[in-house]
Protein backbone atom coordinates (compact mmCIF):
# COMPACT_ATOMS: atom_id res chain seq x y z
CA MET A 1 0.02 -0.05 -0.10
CA VAL A 2 1.25 3.57 -0.85
CA GLY A 3 1.95 5.65 2.10
CA ARG A 4 0.66 9.31 2.22
CA ASN A 5 4.33 10.54 2.10
CA ASP A 6 5.54 8.16 -0.34
CA PRO A 7 6.22 9.26 -3.98
CA CYS A 8 2.95 9.08 -5.93
CA PRO A 9 3.02 5.85 -8.37
CA CYS A 10 1.79 8.01 -11.27
CA GLY A 11 5.41 9.36 -11.55
CA SER A 12 4.75 12.99 -11.06
CA GLY A 13 7.51 13.42 -8.44
CA LYS A 14 5.03 14.70 -5.84
CA LYS A 15 3.97 13.05 -2.55
CA TYR A 16 0.88 10.70 -2.84
CA LYS A 17 -1.13 12.84 -0.41
CA LYS A 18 -0.51 15.94 -2.69
CA CYS A 19 -1.23 14.13 -5.91
CA HIS A 20 -3.60 11.21 -6.32
CA GLY A 21 -4.10 10.49 -2.63
CA LYS A 22 -6.68 13.03 -2.61
CA GLN A 23 -8.54 11.83 -5.59
CA GLU A 24 -8.52 8.00 -4.94
CA THR A 25 -11.69 7.40 -6.94
CA VAL A 26 -9.68 8.21 -10.10
CA SER A 27 -7.18 5.34 -11.08
CA ILE A 28 -3.85 6.27 -12.55
CA ASN A 29 -4.77 4.15 -15.55
CA ASP A 30 -7.83 6.55 -16.21
CA LEU A 31 -5.47 9.57 -16.15
CA ILE A 32 -3.05 7.81 -18.56
CA ASN A 33 -5.92 6.85 -20.73
CA GLU A 34 -6.99 10.53 -20.78
CA GLU A 35 -3.51 11.71 -21.62
CA LEU A 36 -3.17 9.10 -24.57
CA PHE A 37 -6.59 10.26 -25.85
CA LYS A 38 -5.41 13.97 -25.83
CA VAL A 39 -2.12 13.06 -27.73
CA ARG A 40 -4.30 11.44 -30.47
CA GLN A 41 -6.57 14.29 -30.67
CA GLN A 42 -3.87 16.89 -30.76
CA PHE A 43 -2.24 15.05 -33.68
CA PHE A 44 -5.39 15.07 -35.89
CA SER A 45 -6.03 18.71 -34.98
CA GLU A 46 -2.57 19.83 -35.98
CA ASN A 47 -2.35 17.58 -39.17
CA PRO A 48 -2.22 17.68 -42.28
CA ASN A 49 -0.18 20.83 -41.60
CA GLN A 50 0.44 23.64 -44.00
CA THR A 51 3.56 22.11 -45.40
CA HIS A 52 1.68 19.04 -46.70
CA ILE A 53 -1.72 20.62 -47.46
CA THR A 54 -1.20 20.75 -51.22
CA GLU A 55 -0.30 17.07 -51.46
CA PHE A 56 -3.21 16.22 -49.08
CA ARG A 57 -5.69 18.10 -51.28
CA GLU A 58 -4.48 16.18 -54.26
CA LEU A 59 -5.39 12.95 -52.52
CA GLN A 60 -8.66 14.37 -51.19
CA GLN A 61 -9.73 15.56 -54.56
CA GLU A 62 -8.98 12.04 -56.02
CA TRP A 63 -10.71 10.06 -53.35
CA GLN A 64 -13.23 12.02 -51.41
CA PRO A 65 -15.91 12.45 -54.14
CA HIS A 66 -15.46 8.83 -55.03
CA LEU A 67 -16.11 7.77 -51.25
CA MET A 68 -19.15 10.06 -51.06
CA ASN A 69 -21.06 7.82 -53.39
CA SER A 70 -21.35 5.33 -50.67
CA MET A 71 -21.00 7.45 -47.40
CA ALA A 72 -21.27 10.72 -45.78
CA GLU A 73 -18.91 13.56 -46.58
CA ASN A 74 -17.54 13.79 -43.04
CA ASP A 75 -16.86 10.03 -43.03
CA ALA A 76 -15.11 10.17 -46.37
CA GLN A 77 -12.89 13.00 -45.43
CA ALA A 78 -11.85 11.21 -42.25
CA PHE A 79 -10.78 8.12 -44.08
CA VAL A 80 -8.83 10.18 -46.65
CA ILE A 81 -7.01 11.88 -43.65
CA GLU A 82 -6.26 8.62 -41.97
CA ASN A 83 -4.77 7.31 -45.44
CA PHE A 84 -2.63 10.40 -45.87
CA LEU A 85 -1.23 10.57 -42.40
CA PHE A 86 -0.62 6.97 -41.68
CA MET A 87 0.02 5.49 -45.09
CA LYS A 88 1.36 8.15 -47.23
CA LYS A 89 3.15 10.41 -44.67
CA PRO A 90 3.82 8.06 -41.68
CA GLU A 91 6.90 10.37 -40.78
CA LEU A 92 4.53 13.07 -39.66
CA TRP A 93 3.18 10.69 -36.93
CA GLU A 94 6.65 9.72 -36.03
CA GLU A 95 7.94 13.31 -35.60
CA PHE A 96 4.79 14.18 -33.55
CA LEU A 97 5.36 11.14 -31.13
CA GLU A 98 8.94 11.95 -30.54
CA LYS A 99 7.84 15.37 -29.13
CA GLN A 100 5.04 13.97 -27.00
CA ILE A 101 7.35 11.43 -25.45
CA ASP A 102 9.57 14.28 -24.42
CA LEU A 103 6.68 16.28 -22.95
CA ALA A 104 4.96 13.41 -21.19
CA GLN A 105 5.58 13.45 -17.37
CA ARG A 106 4.36 10.05 -16.34
CA PRO A 107 6.81 7.17 -16.92
CA SER A 108 3.92 4.78 -17.74
CA THR A 109 2.63 7.41 -20.40
CA LYS A 110 6.22 7.57 -22.10
CA GLU A 111 6.30 3.67 -22.13
CA VAL A 112 3.09 3.42 -24.10
CA LEU A 113 3.89 6.30 -26.52
CA GLY A 114 7.34 4.66 -27.00
CA ASP A 115 5.56 1.72 -28.85
CA TRP A 116 3.20 3.86 -30.97
CA ASN A 117 5.30 4.06 -33.88
CA ASN A 118 4.23 0.53 -34.64
CA VAL A 119 0.78 1.40 -36.21
CA LYS A 120 -1.09 -1.55 -37.17
CA VAL A 121 -3.88 -1.69 -40.03
CA PHE A 122 -6.24 -4.40 -38.95
CA ILE A 123 -8.90 -6.51 -40.51
CA GLY A 124 -10.64 -9.11 -38.38
CA GLN A 125 -13.38 -9.92 -36.00
CA TYR A 126 -14.65 -8.93 -32.64
CA VAL A 127 -14.45 -12.11 -30.41
CA LYS A 128 -15.91 -11.04 -27.21
CA GLY A 129 -15.97 -8.25 -24.54
CA ASP A 130 -17.73 -6.03 -22.08
CA THR A 131 -17.22 -2.43 -20.85
CA LYS A 132 -13.82 -3.05 -19.72
CA THR A 133 -12.06 -5.38 -22.09
CA ALA A 134 -12.43 -6.86 -25.50
CA GLN A 135 -10.72 -9.58 -27.74
CA PHE A 136 -10.20 -9.40 -31.47
CA THR A 137 -8.95 -11.97 -33.90
CA ASP A 138 -6.70 -10.81 -36.89
CA ALA A 139 -8.11 -12.38 -39.95
CA LEU A 140 -4.86 -12.38 -41.83
CA THR A 141 -2.70 -13.85 -38.98
CA GLY A 142 -5.05 -15.59 -36.56
CA GLU A 143 -3.53 -13.64 -33.76
CA THR A 144 -5.68 -12.77 -30.77
CA LEU A 145 -5.46 -9.06 -29.65
CA GLU A 146 -6.61 -7.64 -26.34
CA MET A 147 -8.08 -4.13 -25.58
CA ALA A 148 -8.66 -2.54 -22.32
CA ASP A 149 -8.88 1.11 -23.31
CA GLN A 150 -12.22 2.23 -24.50
CA PRO A 151 -13.31 -1.20 -25.92
CA PRO A 152 -16.31 -1.08 -28.11
CA THR A 153 -19.57 -1.83 -26.46
CA ASP A 154 -21.89 -2.00 -29.47
CA MET A 155 -20.51 -4.90 -31.45
CA GLU A 156 -21.74 -8.43 -31.74
CA ASN A 157 -19.56 -11.43 -31.14
CA GLY A 158 -18.07 -12.44 -34.63
CA GLN A 159 -18.48 -9.13 -36.15
CA GLY A 160 -15.88 -7.79 -38.68
CA LEU A 161 -14.14 -4.54 -38.61
CA LEU A 162 -11.32 -2.46 -40.14
CA ALA A 163 -9.35 -0.38 -37.91
CA ILE A 164 -5.94 1.30 -37.14
CA LEU A 165 -4.54 0.03 -34.04
CA LEU A 166 -1.77 1.14 -31.76
CA PRO A 167 0.27 -1.11 -29.16
CA ASP A 168 -0.80 -0.93 -25.51
CA SER A 169 2.08 -2.33 -23.44
CA ARG A 170 -0.16 -2.08 -20.29
CA VAL A 171 -2.36 -4.94 -21.45
CA GLY A 172 0.53 -7.10 -22.51
CA GLU A 173 2.48 -8.24 -25.62
CA ASN A 174 -0.87 -8.51 -27.66
CA GLY A 175 -2.40 -5.36 -26.14
CA VAL A 176 -3.95 -2.83 -28.56
CA LEU A 177 -6.08 0.44 -28.63
CA PHE A 178 -7.89 2.31 -31.41
CA LEU A 179 -5.99 5.13 -33.01
CA ASN A 180 -9.19 6.82 -34.02
CA GLY A 181 -12.30 4.64 -34.74
CA TYR A 182 -13.27 1.69 -36.63
CA LEU A 183 -15.34 0.70 -39.55
CA THR A 184 -17.67 -2.48 -38.92
CA VAL A 185 -18.75 -5.04 -41.62
CA VAL A 186 -22.38 -5.43 -41.37
CA GLY A 187 -23.42 -8.99 -42.20
CA GLU A 188 -21.50 -12.02 -42.22
CA PHE A 189 -17.72 -11.46 -42.17
CA LYS A 190 -16.65 -14.51 -43.96
CA PRO A 191 -17.98 -13.69 -47.47
CA PHE A 192 -16.58 -10.40 -47.41
CA PHE A 193 -13.15 -11.75 -46.29
CA ASP A 194 -13.16 -14.45 -48.90
CA GLN A 195 -13.76 -11.80 -51.50
CA LEU A 196 -10.90 -9.84 -50.15
CA THR A 197 -8.34 -12.65 -50.19
CA ALA A 198 -9.52 -13.53 -53.68
CA GLN A 199 -8.51 -10.02 -54.77
CA MET A 200 -5.18 -10.36 -53.13
CA ALA A 201 -4.62 -13.60 -54.96
CA SER A 202 -5.64 -12.12 -58.39
CA ALA A 203 -3.22 -9.21 -57.73
CA ASN A 204 -0.51 -11.58 -56.91
CA ALA A 205 -0.22 -9.84 -53.53
CA ALA A 206 1.02 -11.00 -50.28
CA GLN A 207 -1.93 -11.80 -47.86
CA ASP A 208 -0.65 -9.60 -45.13
CA GLU A 209 -1.09 -6.15 -43.70
CA SER A 210 0.81 -4.54 -46.54
CA TYR A 211 -2.09 -5.02 -48.88
CA LEU A 212 -4.39 -3.14 -46.39
CA ARG A 213 -2.08 -0.25 -46.31
CA ASP A 214 -1.63 -0.08 -50.03
CA ASN A 215 -5.40 -0.41 -50.74
CA TYR A 216 -6.88 1.21 -47.61
CA LEU A 217 -9.36 3.50 -49.23
CA THR A 218 -10.55 0.94 -51.87
CA ILE A 219 -11.07 -1.54 -48.88
CA VAL A 220 -13.08 1.08 -46.94
CA GLU A 221 -15.31 1.71 -49.88
CA GLN A 222 -15.80 -2.12 -50.35
CA ILE A 223 -16.80 -2.55 -46.67
CA VAL A 224 -19.41 0.16 -46.99
CA LYS A 225 -20.86 -1.15 -50.04
CA TYR A 226 -21.07 -4.72 -48.76
CA SER A 227 -22.44 -3.50 -45.51
CA THR A 228 -25.37 -1.63 -47.34
CA GLY A 229 -25.83 -4.34 -49.70
CA SER A 230 -25.12 -2.16 -52.71
CA VAL A 231 -22.67 -4.83 -54.21
CA GLU A 232 -25.09 -7.68 -54.85
CA GLU A 233 -22.52 -9.97 -56.16
CA SER A 234 -20.70 -9.90 -52.75
CA ILE A 235 -22.85 -12.76 -51.63
CA SER A 236 -25.44 -14.93 -53.67
CA LEU A 237 -29.06 -14.80 -52.45
CA SER A 238 -30.97 -17.96 -51.95
CA PRO A 239 -33.85 -18.73 -54.23
CA GLU A 240 -36.39 -17.63 -51.70
CA HIS A 241 -34.71 -14.30 -50.85
CA ASP A 242 -34.14 -13.79 -54.76
CA SER A 243 -37.89 -14.01 -55.18
CA VAL A 244 -38.30 -11.02 -52.73
CA MET A 245 -36.00 -8.99 -55.01
CA VAL A 246 -37.80 -9.90 -58.09
CA GLU A 247 -41.21 -8.90 -56.34
CA LEU A 248 -39.46 -5.65 -55.39
CA ASP A 249 -38.33 -4.96 -58.98
CA LYS A 250 -41.80 -5.60 -60.34
CA HIS A 251 -43.31 -2.61 -58.05
CA ILE A 252 -40.23 -0.47 -58.80
CA GLU A 253 -41.03 -0.69 -62.51
CA GLN A 254 -44.26 0.61 -61.91
CA ALA A 255 -43.12 3.55 -59.98
CA ASN A 256 -41.39 6.70 -61.26
CA PHE A 257 -38.21 6.59 -59.25
CA ASP A 258 -34.87 8.09 -60.21
CA GLU A 259 -31.99 5.99 -60.53
CA GLU A 260 -30.38 7.02 -57.18
CA THR A 261 -33.62 6.05 -55.31
CA VAL A 262 -33.84 2.67 -57.10
CA GLY A 263 -30.03 2.04 -56.18
CA ASN A 264 -30.78 3.09 -52.48
CA ILE A 265 -34.00 0.99 -51.77
CA THR A 266 -32.58 -2.05 -53.76
CA SER A 267 -29.39 -1.86 -51.65
CA ILE A 268 -31.08 -1.71 -48.19
CA LEU A 269 -33.42 -4.59 -49.00
CA ASN A 270 -30.44 -6.71 -50.37
CA SER A 271 -28.50 -6.00 -47.09
CA TYR A 272 -31.39 -6.93 -44.93
CA LEU A 273 -31.88 -10.28 -46.70
CA VAL A 274 -28.12 -11.20 -46.51
CA SER A 275 -27.61 -10.20 -42.99
CA GLN A 276 -31.07 -11.07 -41.31
CA GLN A 277 -31.93 -14.15 -43.36
CA PRO A 278 -35.62 -13.90 -42.76
CA ILE A 279 -38.05 -16.71 -43.49
CA VAL A 280 -40.02 -15.97 -46.64
CA GLN A 281 -43.43 -17.57 -46.84
CA LYS A 282 -44.76 -14.96 -49.18
CA PRO A 283 -42.57 -12.58 -51.03
CA GLU A 284 -45.34 -9.89 -51.35
CA ALA A 285 -45.71 -9.86 -47.46
CA LEU A 286 -42.07 -8.79 -47.17
CA VAL A 287 -42.03 -6.35 -49.96
CA ALA A 288 -45.34 -4.84 -48.67
CA GLY A 289 -43.87 -4.24 -45.30
CA TYR A 290 -40.83 -2.76 -46.91
CA TRP A 291 -42.78 -0.46 -49.05
CA ARG A 292 -44.51 0.88 -45.97
CA PHE A 293 -41.14 1.34 -44.19
CA LEU A 294 -39.81 3.27 -47.42
CA GLN A 295 -42.99 5.53 -47.13
CA ASP A 296 -42.68 6.04 -43.21
CA HIS A 297 -39.12 7.05 -43.48
CA GLU A 298 -39.57 9.33 -46.59
CA LEU A 299 -37.17 7.20 -48.78
CA ILE A 300 -39.41 7.21 -51.67
CA LYS A 301 -41.42 9.98 -53.32
CA GLY A 302 -44.75 10.07 -54.90
CA PRO A 303 -48.36 9.20 -53.84
CA MET A 304 -48.27 7.79 -50.25
CA LEU A 305 -50.44 4.77 -50.03
CA SER A 306 -52.78 4.24 -47.13
CA ALA A 307 -52.66 0.93 -44.98
CA LYS A 308 -55.85 -0.13 -46.82
CA ASP A 309 -54.25 0.81 -50.19
CA LEU A 310 -50.93 -1.27 -49.36
CA SER A 311 -53.12 -4.17 -48.35
CA GLU A 312 -54.93 -4.15 -51.68
CA LYS A 313 -51.70 -3.45 -53.84
CA PHE A 314 -49.87 -6.44 -52.35
CA ASP A 315 -52.84 -8.54 -51.30
CA VAL A 316 -51.51 -9.02 -47.70
CA SER A 317 -53.24 -8.10 -44.48
CA SER A 318 -52.65 -4.74 -42.89
CA SER A 319 -51.32 -6.38 -39.57
CA THR A 320 -48.67 -8.28 -41.48
CA ILE A 321 -47.62 -5.17 -43.26
CA LEU A 322 -47.24 -3.27 -40.07
CA LYS A 323 -45.23 -6.16 -38.47
CA ARG A 324 -42.91 -6.42 -41.35
CA SER A 325 -42.42 -2.53 -41.44
CA LYS A 326 -41.35 -2.55 -37.86
CA GLU A 327 -38.68 -5.16 -38.49
CA PHE A 328 -37.34 -2.99 -41.41
CA SER A 329 -37.28 -0.01 -39.25
CA ALA A 330 -35.33 -1.74 -36.30
CA TYR A 331 -32.80 -3.02 -38.92
CA PHE A 332 -32.40 0.42 -40.59
CA GLU A 333 -31.77 2.10 -37.19
CA GLU A 334 -29.14 -0.50 -36.35
CA LEU A 335 -27.55 0.04 -39.59
CA LEU A 336 -27.27 3.77 -39.26
CA ALA A 337 -25.84 3.49 -35.77
CA LYS A 338 -23.09 1.14 -37.00
CA LYS A 339 -21.86 3.36 -39.83
């Protein structure tokens, strides 16, 4: 036990009673976590700097409009920034870290920062976790990684993700933490990863982290498209699920939707069928519920059909339509939350 007049274990050089002895409810690890978060936050606030802004703009002009076809502008910009700072200009991070290590007062903080040059681009799966710790499996190496600094609490066991990770020596040899955030793979991970490894093979590329670094923005785009179902060939639909898409197409042909609307509503339904695997007894019932969901969320324009009109149009009871509509609403909200 630390005495009140002993040096504080945080490494500040002060006596325990003058330092953390008066705020025992806050752990040293919590304070280090806060310091580490501020380091990451400061780096992104200062970079790209004026020296490299022209080069960054070139990458931004090439990729951001392209990514915005499948994601929001802020998300697209964030991924372009990550690509520039950690794949194109890693020396910016290394120079920044060197200064932060010198400025850090706590030995524990210095120790963690000293490993942060080893930035890891990760593709894999969330294994299990809680509010304190989490485990991940690297899909390329099979390695199990441990996280104890702000682990995700909204992921399902087995869910895939792409992330940039930093070593966390406090957890052990396989300890990691998120550099910034993570991109989840919505739906089954294996079909997506099989597709990715097939791409590596066709490009005669080594199936390792170097491929992720060299093709980071392409992979980001592929994950978003896969997760929203806008790449139908990413996984084959079963005959019963394909019958639902055929039924939807029939009603789309009768409506006067623009090309973007058709793409969006087709993608959402495809994603739902792939990830949720609903039992289909009558394709019309699923599409009728989906149509009501589209109306309720103003995802389609044109005459809004009443419950009675929908029932007559699809020859399905109003109660069944409402039930299916609620299922789509729950899925759509979950999808938005994970983007």
